[in-house]
Amino acid sequence: MIHMDNFLKLMITFCLVNFITFNYGQKSYVIDEEFSYENVYMESGQGKKLVGFSPDKGYWNESLNTPTIMVSVPTVFKSAIFLLSGFESEELSVEELQLIDQSTIAVSLNPITRVVSQRFSYFCNIECNSLVLNANTGKVEKVTRIFGTLKNDSKQPNRFKSFKTNSVLASGSGSWYRIGVAKEGLFKIDYAFLANNGVNVQGLQSSQIGIYGNDQSMLSHQNSAAKVDDLLQKAVYLSDGGDGAFNPGDYIVFYANGPHETSVNGSEWTHSKNNYSDTAYYFINISSSVT
């Protein structure tokens, strides 16, 4: 007769052996991901204006003024390569086309894979341009689905973590000022606001002012969720009279997500409350290197 405690030990051992054999014997993963996009608008003196369109899995790249898709999947590989089999896409709207420089759009997708280690587990982050030039029609399209295979890349060295080598917050990047917002919306920063908060506005040029923030709301509880490892520069509306100098009466307007998140899926709206903070933070950078 097998005692209950011995039986449990045998069952646990059996499950562990099968788990290890299944996972570590696996040579590839099938990746099939779909994407949707959310338009971001800003109210201006000329009415509502589109300022970006972000994928639900990814982010709007402020510096390139294009969307980027990001997918994170658990893996047993210490290094991996994603082999793209194909993708689906749809044409951009007239509004979306006006936001981008079509001459910079590639005719193919160029996925980049990075394997990171978190608590003895590995996750592969796949990041890729989400705009592509259709070679047959000559039109720019946004990717709505990618599919392919994630394989072990034994030729590459182990990559436990991968981060940017230089942060925008690095020494010598200028002066930084943190501001908090309690809800999403458009926010105005004018000459008086900067002066009242200790910024040296004497001779300040508009090109020296940058706004940074990641619009992430509450971080995911899942370690496998895609993450941005540095502050991203935000798109802004600038009113300085066209002289390049930031004088009294001049201002900057930018859109910011609040600490909570509202998402739309068809006709269904979902509100997610941030359990850890009632404020989202953004940063003003004053530097001669801001663009």
C-alpha atoms as a PDB file:
ATOM      1  CA  MET A   1       0.000   0.000   0.000  1.00  0.00           C
ATOM      2  CA  ILE A   2       1.231   3.476  -0.881  1.00  0.00           C
ATOM      3  CA  HIS A   3       0.814   6.036   1.883  1.00  0.00           C
ATOM      4  CA  MET A   4      -0.876   9.313   0.919  1.00  0.00           C
ATOM      5  CA  ASP A   5       2.221  11.472   1.538  1.00  0.00           C
ATOM      6  CA  ASN A   6       4.365   9.170  -0.614  1.00  0.00           C
ATOM      7  CA  PHE A   7       1.684   9.166  -3.296  1.00  0.00           C
ATOM      8  CA  LEU A   8       1.679  12.978  -3.385  1.00  0.00           C
ATOM      9  CA  LYS A   9       5.462  13.028  -3.657  1.00  0.00           C
ATOM     10  CA  LEU A  10       5.323  10.620  -6.591  1.00  0.00           C
ATOM     11  CA  MET A  11       2.670  12.704  -8.333  1.00  0.00           C
ATOM     12  CA  ILE A  12       4.620  15.954  -7.842  1.00  0.00           C
ATOM     13  CA  THR A  13       7.803  14.331  -9.161  1.00  0.00           C
ATOM     14  CA  PHE A  14       5.934  12.944 -12.170  1.00  0.00           C
ATOM     15  CA  CYS A  15       4.434  16.354 -12.993  1.00  0.00           C
ATOM     16  CA  LEU A  16       7.774  18.132 -12.647  1.00  0.00           C
ATOM     17  CA  VAL A  17       9.563  15.654 -14.899  1.00  0.00           C
ATOM     18  CA  ASN A  18       6.887  15.949 -17.560  1.00  0.00           C
ATOM     19  CA  PHE A  19       6.844  19.764 -17.277  1.00  0.00           C
ATOM     20  CA  ILE A  20      10.616  20.002 -17.706  1.00  0.00           C
ATOM     21  CA  THR A  21      10.643  17.501 -20.566  1.00  0.00           C
ATOM     22  CA  PHE A  22       7.835  19.310 -22.385  1.00  0.00           C
ATOM     23  CA  ASN A  23       9.190  22.814 -21.950  1.00  0.00           C
ATOM     24  CA  TYR A  24      12.882  22.303 -22.422  1.00  0.00           C
ATOM     25  CA  GLY A  25      12.346  19.917 -25.297  1.00  0.00           C
ATOM     26  CA  GLN A  26      10.319  22.519 -27.126  1.00  0.00           C
ATOM     27  CA  LYS A  27      12.264  24.002 -30.041  1.00  0.00           C
ATOM     28  CA  SER A  28       9.862  26.687 -31.243  1.00  0.00           C
ATOM     29  CA  TYR A  29       6.721  28.658 -30.436  1.00  0.00           C
ATOM     30  CA  VAL A  30       3.968  29.699 -32.812  1.00  0.00           C
ATOM     31  CA  ILE A  31       3.245  33.432 -32.543  1.00  0.00           C
ATOM     32  CA  ASP A  32      -0.046  34.816 -33.840  1.00  0.00           C
ATOM     33  CA  GLU A  33      -1.009  38.257 -32.551  1.00  0.00           C
ATOM     34  CA  GLU A  34      -3.703  40.734 -33.607  1.00  0.00           C
ATOM     35  CA  PHE A  35      -3.597  44.490 -33.067  1.00  0.00           C
ATOM     36  CA  SER A  36      -6.111  47.303 -32.872  1.00  0.00           C
ATOM     37  CA  TYR A  37      -5.434  51.034 -32.766  1.00  0.00           C
ATOM     38  CA  GLU A  38      -6.816  53.888 -30.692  1.00  0.00           C
ATOM     39  CA  ASN A  39      -6.816  57.407 -32.110  1.00  0.00           C
ATOM     40  CA  VAL A  40      -5.697  60.257 -29.845  1.00  0.00           C
ATOM     41  CA  TYR A  41      -7.186  63.685 -30.547  1.00  0.00           C
ATOM     42  CA  MET A  42      -6.390  67.173 -29.317  1.00  0.00           C
ATOM     43  CA  GLU A  43      -8.734  70.143 -29.283  1.00  0.00           C
ATOM     44  CA  SER A  44      -7.216  73.234 -30.912  1.00  0.00           C
ATOM     45  CA  GLY A  45      -8.435  76.557 -32.206  1.00  0.00           C
ATOM     46  CA  GLN A  46      -9.303  74.799 -35.464  1.00  0.00           C
ATOM     47  CA  GLY A  47     -11.296  72.011 -33.811  1.00  0.00           C
ATOM     48  CA  LYS A  48     -10.412  68.431 -32.986  1.00  0.00           C
ATOM     49  CA  LYS A  49      -7.082  67.271 -34.435  1.00  0.00           C
ATOM     50  CA  LEU A  50      -5.566  63.781 -34.564  1.00  0.00           C
ATOM     51  CA  VAL A  51      -2.150  63.705 -32.859  1.00  0.00           C
ATOM     52  CA  GLY A  52      -1.466  59.949 -32.821  1.00  0.00           C
ATOM     53  CA  PHE A  53      -2.816  56.411 -33.148  1.00  0.00           C
ATOM     54  CA  SER A  54      -1.445  53.819 -30.721  1.00  0.00           C
ATOM     55  CA  PRO A  55      -1.644  50.012 -30.981  1.00  0.00           C
ATOM     56  CA  ASP A  56      -3.226  48.163 -28.063  1.00  0.00           C
ATOM     57  CA  LYS A  57      -0.011  46.122 -27.812  1.00  0.00           C
ATOM     58  CA  GLY A  58       2.703  48.710 -28.202  1.00  0.00           C
ATOM     59  CA  TYR A  59       3.077  52.470 -28.103  1.00  0.00           C
ATOM     60  CA  TRP A  60       3.200  55.657 -30.150  1.00  0.00           C
ATOM     61  CA  ASN A  61       6.839  56.531 -30.842  1.00  0.00           C
ATOM     62  CA  GLU A  62       6.981  60.287 -30.263  1.00  0.00           C
ATOM     63  CA  SER A  63      10.450  60.728 -31.771  1.00  0.00           C
ATOM     64  CA  LEU A  64       9.626  58.887 -35.027  1.00  0.00           C
ATOM     65  CA  ASN A  65       5.975  59.967 -35.052  1.00  0.00           C
ATOM     66  CA  THR A  66       4.885  56.418 -35.868  1.00  0.00           C
ATOM     67  CA  PRO A  67       3.285  53.556 -33.909  1.00  0.00           C
ATOM     68  CA  THR A  68       5.357  50.580 -32.739  1.00  0.00           C
ATOM     69  CA  ILE A  69       3.964  47.145 -31.863  1.00  0.00           C
ATOM     70  CA  MET A  70       5.326  45.176 -28.911  1.00  0.00           C
ATOM     71  CA  VAL A  71       4.550  41.577 -27.892  1.00  0.00           C
ATOM     72  CA  SER A  72       5.949  39.757 -24.862  1.00  0.00           C
ATOM     73  CA  VAL A  73       5.767  35.965 -24.576  1.00  0.00           C
ATOM     74  CA  PRO A  74       7.152  33.522 -21.976  1.00  0.00           C
ATOM     75  CA  THR A  75       9.874  31.227 -23.272  1.00  0.00           C
ATOM     76  CA  VAL A  76      12.507  28.747 -22.095  1.00  0.00           C
ATOM     77  CA  PHE A  77      15.072  30.162 -24.514  1.00  0.00           C
ATOM     78  CA  LYS A  78      17.946  32.261 -23.225  1.00  0.00           C
ATOM     79  CA  SER A  79      18.252  33.766 -26.692  1.00  0.00           C
ATOM     80  CA  ALA A  80      15.710  33.687 -29.479  1.00  0.00           C
ATOM     81  CA  ILE A  81      14.906  34.853 -32.969  1.00  0.00           C
ATOM     82  CA  PHE A  82      11.467  35.590 -34.412  1.00  0.00           C
ATOM     83  CA  LEU A  83      10.894  34.312 -37.949  1.00  0.00           C
ATOM     84  CA  LEU A  84       8.040  36.303 -39.471  1.00  0.00           C
ATOM     85  CA  SER A  85       5.806  34.167 -41.704  1.00  0.00           C
ATOM     86  CA  GLY A  86       3.373  36.871 -42.712  1.00  0.00           C
ATOM     87  CA  PHE A  87       1.174  39.733 -41.615  1.00  0.00           C
ATOM     88  CA  GLU A  88      -2.137  41.442 -42.299  1.00  0.00           C
ATOM     89  CA  SER A  89      -2.596  45.179 -42.650  1.00  0.00           C
ATOM     90  CA  GLU A  90      -5.084  47.872 -43.557  1.00  0.00           C
ATOM     91  CA  GLU A  91      -4.798  51.281 -45.197  1.00  0.00           C
ATOM     92  CA  LEU A  92      -4.356  54.392 -43.104  1.00  0.00           C
ATOM     93  CA  SER A  93      -7.069  56.998 -42.994  1.00  0.00           C
ATOM     94  CA  VAL A  94      -6.498  60.420 -44.517  1.00  0.00           C
ATOM     95  CA  GLU A  95      -6.038  61.859 -41.015  1.00  0.00           C
ATOM     96  CA  GLU A  96      -3.463  59.213 -40.081  1.00  0.00           C
ATOM     97  CA  LEU A  97      -1.490  59.752 -43.284  1.00  0.00           C
ATOM     98  CA  GLN A  98      -1.112  63.433 -42.470  1.00  0.00           C
ATOM     99  CA  LEU A  99       0.773  62.554 -39.267  1.00  0.00           C
ATOM    100  CA  ILE A 100       3.612  60.582 -40.838  1.00  0.00           C
ATOM    101  CA  ASP A 101       6.472  61.104 -43.253  1.00  0.00           C
ATOM    102  CA  GLN A 102       5.705  58.511 -45.927  1.00  0.00           C
ATOM    103  CA  SER A 103       9.257  58.637 -47.273  1.00  0.00           C
ATOM    104  CA  THR A 104      10.533  57.008 -44.062  1.00  0.00           C
ATOM    105  CA  ILE A 105       8.178  53.988 -44.167  1.00  0.00           C
ATOM    106  CA  ALA A 106       9.816  50.633 -44.957  1.00  0.00           C
ATOM    107  CA  VAL A 107       8.410  48.109 -47.440  1.00  0.00           C
ATOM    108  CA  SER A 108       8.820  45.258 -44.945  1.00  0.00           C
ATOM    109  CA  LEU A 109       8.492  44.524 -41.241  1.00  0.00           C
ATOM    110  CA  ASN A 110      11.705  44.384 -39.232  1.00  0.00           C
ATOM    111  CA  PRO A 111      11.032  42.636 -35.899  1.00  0.00           C
ATOM    112  CA  ILE A 112      13.609  42.847 -33.112  1.00  0.00           C
ATOM    113  CA  THR A 113      13.681  40.223 -30.359  1.00  0.00           C
ATOM    114  CA  ARG A 114      15.069  40.655 -26.859  1.00  0.00           C
ATOM    115  CA  VAL A 115      15.084  37.975 -24.174  1.00  0.00           C
ATOM    116  CA  VAL A 116      14.914  39.123 -20.557  1.00  0.00           C
ATOM    117  CA  SER A 117      15.149  37.144 -17.328  1.00  0.00           C
ATOM    118  CA  GLN A 118      12.706  37.752 -14.498  1.00  0.00           C
ATOM    119  CA  ARG A 119      12.700  35.596 -11.351  1.00  0.00           C
ATOM    120  CA  PHE A 120      14.330  32.611 -13.084  1.00  0.00           C
ATOM    121  CA  SER A 121      11.889  32.795 -16.011  1.00  0.00           C
ATOM    122  CA  TYR A 122      12.559  34.046 -19.530  1.00  0.00           C
ATOM    123  CA  PHE A 123      10.398  36.312 -21.642  1.00  0.00           C
ATOM    124  CA  CYS A 124      10.929  37.300 -25.246  1.00  0.00           C
ATOM    125  CA  ASN A 125       9.925  40.832 -26.240  1.00  0.00           C
ATOM    126  CA  ILE A 126       9.193  41.242 -29.935  1.00  0.00           C
ATOM    127  CA  GLU A 127       9.202  44.862 -31.102  1.00  0.00           C
ATOM    128  CA  CYS A 128       8.430  45.886 -34.661  1.00  0.00           C
ATOM    129  CA  ASN A 129       7.496  48.796 -36.884  1.00  0.00           C
ATOM    130  CA  SER A 130       3.732  48.732 -37.384  1.00  0.00           C
ATOM    131  CA  LEU A 131       3.625  50.779 -40.581  1.00  0.00           C
ATOM    132  CA  VAL A 132       4.593  49.299 -43.936  1.00  0.00           C
ATOM    133  CA  LEU A 133       4.551  50.498 -47.531  1.00  0.00           C
ATOM    134  CA  ASN A 134       2.484  48.207 -49.771  1.00  0.00           C
ATOM    135  CA  ALA A 135       4.749  47.563 -52.766  1.00  0.00           C
ATOM    136  CA  ASN A 136       1.768  46.766 -55.002  1.00  0.00           C
ATOM    137  CA  THR A 137      -0.388  49.801 -54.258  1.00  0.00           C
ATOM    138  CA  GLY A 138       2.257  52.254 -53.052  1.00  0.00           C
ATOM    139  CA  LYS A 139       0.094  53.053 -50.012  1.00  0.00           C
ATOM    140  CA  VAL A 140       1.096  53.095 -46.342  1.00  0.00           C
ATOM    141  CA  GLU A 141      -0.712  50.517 -44.210  1.00  0.00           C
ATOM    142  CA  LYS A 142      -0.832  49.675 -40.492  1.00  0.00           C
ATOM    143  CA  VAL A 143      -0.305  46.114 -39.295  1.00  0.00           C
ATOM    144  CA  THR A 144      -3.332  44.417 -37.746  1.00  0.00           C
ATOM    145  CA  ARG A 145      -1.849  40.924 -37.348  1.00  0.00           C
ATOM    146  CA  ILE A 146       1.531  39.188 -37.375  1.00  0.00           C
ATOM    147  CA  PHE A 147       2.278  35.478 -37.321  1.00  0.00           C
ATOM    148  CA  GLY A 148       5.460  33.467 -37.316  1.00  0.00           C
ATOM    149  CA  THR A 149       7.727  31.263 -35.246  1.00  0.00           C
ATOM    150  CA  LEU A 150       9.912  32.045 -32.247  1.00  0.00           C
ATOM    151  CA  LYS A 151      12.996  29.812 -32.283  1.00  0.00           C
ATOM    152  CA  ASN A 152      16.023  29.217 -30.136  1.00  0.00           C
ATOM    153  CA  ASP A 153      18.944  31.291 -31.371  1.00  0.00           C
ATOM    154  CA  SER A 154      21.976  29.400 -30.103  1.00  0.00           C
ATOM    155  CA  LYS A 155      24.336  31.519 -32.214  1.00  0.00           C
ATOM    156  CA  GLN A 156      23.550  34.564 -30.122  1.00  0.00           C
ATOM    157  CA  PRO A 157      25.005  35.084 -26.626  1.00  0.00           C
ATOM    158  CA  ASN A 158      22.681  34.786 -23.645  1.00  0.00           C
ATOM    159  CA  ARG A 159      20.759  38.007 -23.134  1.00  0.00           C
ATOM    160  CA  PHE A 160      19.313  38.057 -19.637  1.00  0.00           C
ATOM    161  CA  LYS A 161      18.358  41.716 -19.701  1.00  0.00           C
ATOM    162  CA  SER A 162      18.456  44.377 -22.347  1.00  0.00           C
ATOM    163  CA  PHE A 163      18.175  48.052 -21.568  1.00  0.00           C
ATOM    164  CA  LYS A 164      18.978  51.305 -23.284  1.00  0.00           C
ATOM    165  CA  THR A 165      22.615  52.230 -22.787  1.00  0.00           C
ATOM    166  CA  ASN A 166      21.809  55.888 -22.107  1.00  0.00           C
ATOM    167  CA  SER A 167      18.723  57.317 -20.440  1.00  0.00           C
ATOM    168  CA  VAL A 168      17.273  60.697 -21.344  1.00  0.00           C
ATOM    169  CA  LEU A 169      17.692  61.460 -17.622  1.00  0.00           C
ATOM    170  CA  ALA A 170      21.458  60.991 -17.800  1.00  0.00           C
ATOM    171  CA  SER A 171      23.819  63.575 -16.352  1.00  0.00           C
ATOM    172  CA  GLY A 172      24.224  66.544 -18.676  1.00  0.00           C
ATOM    173  CA  SER A 173      20.712  66.252 -20.114  1.00  0.00           C
ATOM    174  CA  GLY A 174      19.612  69.591 -18.679  1.00  0.00           C
ATOM    175  CA  SER A 175      17.179  70.470 -15.897  1.00  0.00           C
ATOM    176  CA  TRP A 176      14.153  68.293 -15.110  1.00  0.00           C
ATOM    177  CA  TYR A 177      10.864  69.258 -13.438  1.00  0.00           C
ATOM    178  CA  ARG A 178       8.198  66.728 -12.427  1.00  0.00           C
ATOM    179  CA  ILE A 179       4.497  67.559 -12.771  1.00  0.00           C
ATOM    180  CA  GLY A 180       1.505  65.464 -11.721  1.00  0.00           C
ATOM    181  CA  VAL A 181      -1.889  65.053 -13.383  1.00  0.00           C
ATOM    182  CA  ALA A 182      -4.955  63.568 -11.691  1.00  0.00           C
ATOM    183  CA  LYS A 183      -6.885  62.719 -14.854  1.00  0.00           C
ATOM    184  CA  GLU A 184      -6.360  62.404 -18.586  1.00  0.00           C
ATOM    185  CA  GLY A 185      -6.747  65.391 -20.857  1.00  0.00           C
ATOM    186  CA  LEU A 186      -4.955  68.307 -22.476  1.00  0.00           C
ATOM    187  CA  PHE A 187      -2.609  70.344 -20.309  1.00  0.00           C
ATOM    188  CA  LYS A 188      -1.197  73.813 -20.878  1.00  0.00           C
ATOM    189  CA  ILE A 189       2.231  74.977 -19.793  1.00  0.00           C
ATOM    190  CA  ASP A 190       2.804  78.679 -20.291  1.00  0.00           C
ATOM    191  CA  TYR A 191       5.578  81.185 -19.651  1.00  0.00           C
ATOM    192  CA  ALA A 192       4.168  82.194 -16.266  1.00  0.00           C
ATOM    193  CA  PHE A 193       3.901  78.574 -15.094  1.00  0.00           C
ATOM    194  CA  LEU A 194       7.576  77.914 -15.844  1.00  0.00           C
ATOM    195  CA  ALA A 195       8.705  81.163 -14.235  1.00  0.00           C
ATOM    196  CA  ASN A 196       6.649  80.523 -11.089  1.00  0.00           C
ATOM    197  CA  ASN A 197       8.145  77.049 -10.709  1.00  0.00           C
ATOM    198  CA  GLY A 198      11.779  78.058 -10.763  1.00  0.00           C
ATOM    199  CA  VAL A 199      12.666  77.774 -14.448  1.00  0.00           C
ATOM    200  CA  ASN A 200      15.094  80.396 -15.707  1.00  0.00           C
ATOM    201  CA  VAL A 201      12.998  81.815 -18.552  1.00  0.00           C
ATOM    202  CA  GLN A 202      15.444  84.605 -19.424  1.00  0.00           C
ATOM    203  CA  GLY A 203      16.367  84.034 -23.085  1.00  0.00           C
ATOM    204  CA  LEU A 204      14.577  80.669 -23.125  1.00  0.00           C
ATOM    205  CA  GLN A 205      14.057  79.225 -26.625  1.00  0.00           C
ATOM    206  CA  SER A 206      11.013  77.134 -27.502  1.00  0.00           C
ATOM    207  CA  SER A 207      13.273  74.395 -28.891  1.00  0.00           C
ATOM    208  CA  GLN A 208      14.841  73.968 -25.431  1.00  0.00           C
ATOM    209  CA  ILE A 209      11.604  72.738 -23.846  1.00  0.00           C
ATOM    210  CA  GLY A 210      10.618  69.060 -23.971  1.00  0.00           C
ATOM    211  CA  ILE A 211       7.783  67.087 -22.348  1.00  0.00           C
ATOM    212  CA  TYR A 212       8.358  63.436 -21.422  1.00  0.00           C
ATOM    213  CA  GLY A 213       6.120  60.646 -20.137  1.00  0.00           C
ATOM    214  CA  ASN A 214       5.011  57.121 -21.018  1.00  0.00           C
ATOM    215  CA  ASP A 215       1.184  57.231 -20.716  1.00  0.00           C
ATOM    216  CA  GLN A 216       1.200  53.782 -19.098  1.00  0.00           C
ATOM    217  CA  SER A 217      -1.378  54.125 -16.295  1.00  0.00           C
ATOM    218  CA  MET A 218      -1.031  51.285 -13.759  1.00  0.00           C
ATOM    219  CA  LEU A 219       1.736  48.809 -14.558  1.00  0.00           C
ATOM    220  CA  SER A 220       0.622  45.283 -15.357  1.00  0.00           C
ATOM    221  CA  HIS A 221       0.835  42.599 -12.680  1.00  0.00           C
ATOM    222  CA  GLN A 222       2.208  40.259 -15.360  1.00  0.00           C
ATOM    223  CA  ASN A 223       5.989  40.179 -15.603  1.00  0.00           C
ATOM    224  CA  SER A 224       5.593  39.136 -19.243  1.00  0.00           C
ATOM    225  CA  ALA A 225       3.821  42.372 -20.194  1.00  0.00           C
ATOM    226  CA  ALA A 226       5.736  44.662 -22.545  1.00  0.00           C
ATOM    227  CA  LYS A 227       7.483  47.555 -20.805  1.00  0.00           C
ATOM    228  CA  VAL A 228       9.240  50.727 -21.889  1.00  0.00           C
ATOM    229  CA  ASP A 229      12.553  51.165 -20.059  1.00  0.00           C
ATOM    230  CA  ASP A 230      12.991  54.928 -20.479  1.00  0.00           C
ATOM    231  CA  LEU A 231      10.972  58.136 -20.726  1.00  0.00           C
ATOM    232  CA  LEU A 232       9.514  58.864 -24.158  1.00  0.00           C
ATOM    233  CA  GLN A 233       9.254  62.380 -25.553  1.00  0.00           C
ATOM    234  CA  LYS A 234       5.688  63.515 -26.139  1.00  0.00           C
ATOM    235  CA  ALA A 235       4.246  65.387 -29.084  1.00  0.00           C
ATOM    236  CA  VAL A 236       3.216  68.949 -28.208  1.00  0.00           C
ATOM    237  CA  TYR A 237       1.374  71.919 -29.677  1.00  0.00           C
ATOM    238  CA  LEU A 238       3.572  75.014 -29.456  1.00  0.00           C
ATOM    239  CA  SER A 239       2.384  78.618 -29.623  1.00  0.00           C
ATOM    240  CA  ASP A 240       5.311  81.054 -29.607  1.00  0.00           C
ATOM    241  CA  GLY A 241       4.387  83.483 -32.392  1.00  0.00           C
ATOM    242  CA  GLY A 242       6.831  81.775 -34.737  1.00  0.00           C
ATOM    243  CA  ASP A 243       9.898  83.654 -33.450  1.00  0.00           C
ATOM    244  CA  GLY A 244      11.432  80.634 -31.691  1.00  0.00           C
ATOM    245  CA  ALA A 245      11.608  82.471 -28.351  1.00  0.00           C
ATOM    246  CA  PHE A 246       9.463  81.459 -25.379  1.00  0.00           C
ATOM    247  CA  ASN A 247       8.128  84.817 -24.191  1.00  0.00           C
ATOM    248  CA  PRO A 248       5.281  85.967 -21.922  1.00  0.00           C
ATOM    249  CA  GLY A 249       1.982  84.752 -23.417  1.00  0.00           C
ATOM    250  CA  ASP A 250       3.585  81.766 -25.167  1.00  0.00           C
ATOM    251  CA  TYR A 251       2.494  78.261 -24.213  1.00  0.00           C
ATOM    252  CA  ILE A 252       2.753  74.530 -24.879  1.00  0.00           C
ATOM    253  CA  VAL A 253      -0.178  72.076 -24.908  1.00  0.00           C
ATOM    254  CA  PHE A 254       0.228  68.303 -24.546  1.00  0.00           C
ATOM    255  CA  TYR A 255      -2.043  65.310 -24.009  1.00  0.00           C
ATOM    256  CA  ALA A 256      -1.489  63.104 -20.939  1.00  0.00           C
ATOM    257  CA  ASN A 257      -3.102  59.952 -19.630  1.00  0.00           C
ATOM    258  CA  GLY A 258      -4.143  60.084 -16.009  1.00  0.00           C
ATOM    259  CA  PRO A 259      -3.413  57.407 -13.390  1.00  0.00           C
ATOM    260  CA  HIS A 260      -6.496  55.444 -14.457  1.00  0.00           C
ATOM    261  CA  GLU A 261      -7.235  53.896 -17.839  1.00  0.00           C
ATOM    262  CA  THR A 262     -10.267  53.759 -20.104  1.00  0.00           C
ATOM    263  CA  SER A 263     -10.158  51.410 -23.090  1.00  0.00           C
ATOM    264  CA  VAL A 264     -12.609  50.812 -25.921  1.00  0.00           C
ATOM    265  CA  ASN A 265     -13.305  47.492 -27.623  1.00  0.00           C
ATOM    266  CA  GLY A 266     -16.011  48.010 -30.221  1.00  0.00           C
ATOM    267  CA  SER A 267     -18.998  49.385 -28.315  1.00  0.00           C
ATOM    268  CA  GLU A 268     -17.685  48.203 -24.920  1.00  0.00           C
ATOM    269  CA  TRP A 269     -15.910  50.648 -22.607  1.00  0.00           C
ATOM    270  CA  THR A 270     -13.694  49.397 -19.776  1.00  0.00           C
ATOM    271  CA  HIS A 271     -12.457  51.569 -16.887  1.00  0.00           C
ATOM    272  CA  SER A 272      -9.411  50.345 -14.944  1.00  0.00           C
ATOM    273  CA  LYS A 273      -8.584  52.117 -11.681  1.00  0.00           C
ATOM    274  CA  ASN A 274      -4.991  52.518 -10.560  1.00  0.00           C
ATOM    275  CA  ASN A 275      -4.800  50.802  -7.173  1.00  0.00           C
ATOM    276  CA  TYR A 276      -1.510  52.391  -6.173  1.00  0.00           C
ATOM    277  CA  SER A 277      -1.582  56.060  -7.170  1.00  0.00           C
ATOM    278  CA  ASP A 278      -4.079  58.831  -7.806  1.00  0.00           C
ATOM    279  CA  THR A 279      -1.541  60.822  -9.837  1.00  0.00           C
ATOM    280  CA  ALA A 280       0.355  60.231 -13.080  1.00  0.00           C
ATOM    281  CA  TYR A 281       3.666  62.015 -13.521  1.00  0.00           C
ATOM    282  CA  TYR A 282       5.252  63.744 -16.495  1.00  0.00           C
ATOM    283  CA  PHE A 283       8.514  65.606 -16.846  1.00  0.00           C
ATOM    284  CA  ILE A 284       9.515  68.970 -18.287  1.00  0.00           C
ATOM    285  CA  ASN A 285      13.064  69.068 -19.642  1.00  0.00           C
ATOM    286  CA  ILE A 286      14.928  72.310 -20.238  1.00  0.00           C
ATOM    287  CA  SER A 287      17.975  71.576 -22.380  1.00  0.00           C
ATOM    288  CA  SER A 288      19.782  72.872 -25.439  1.00  0.00           C
ATOM    289  CA  SER A 289      19.629  69.346 -26.932  1.00  0.00           C
ATOM    290  CA  VAL A 290      15.807  69.034 -26.987  1.00  0.00           C
ATOM    291  CA  THR A 291      14.238  68.717 -30.443  1.00  0.00           C
END
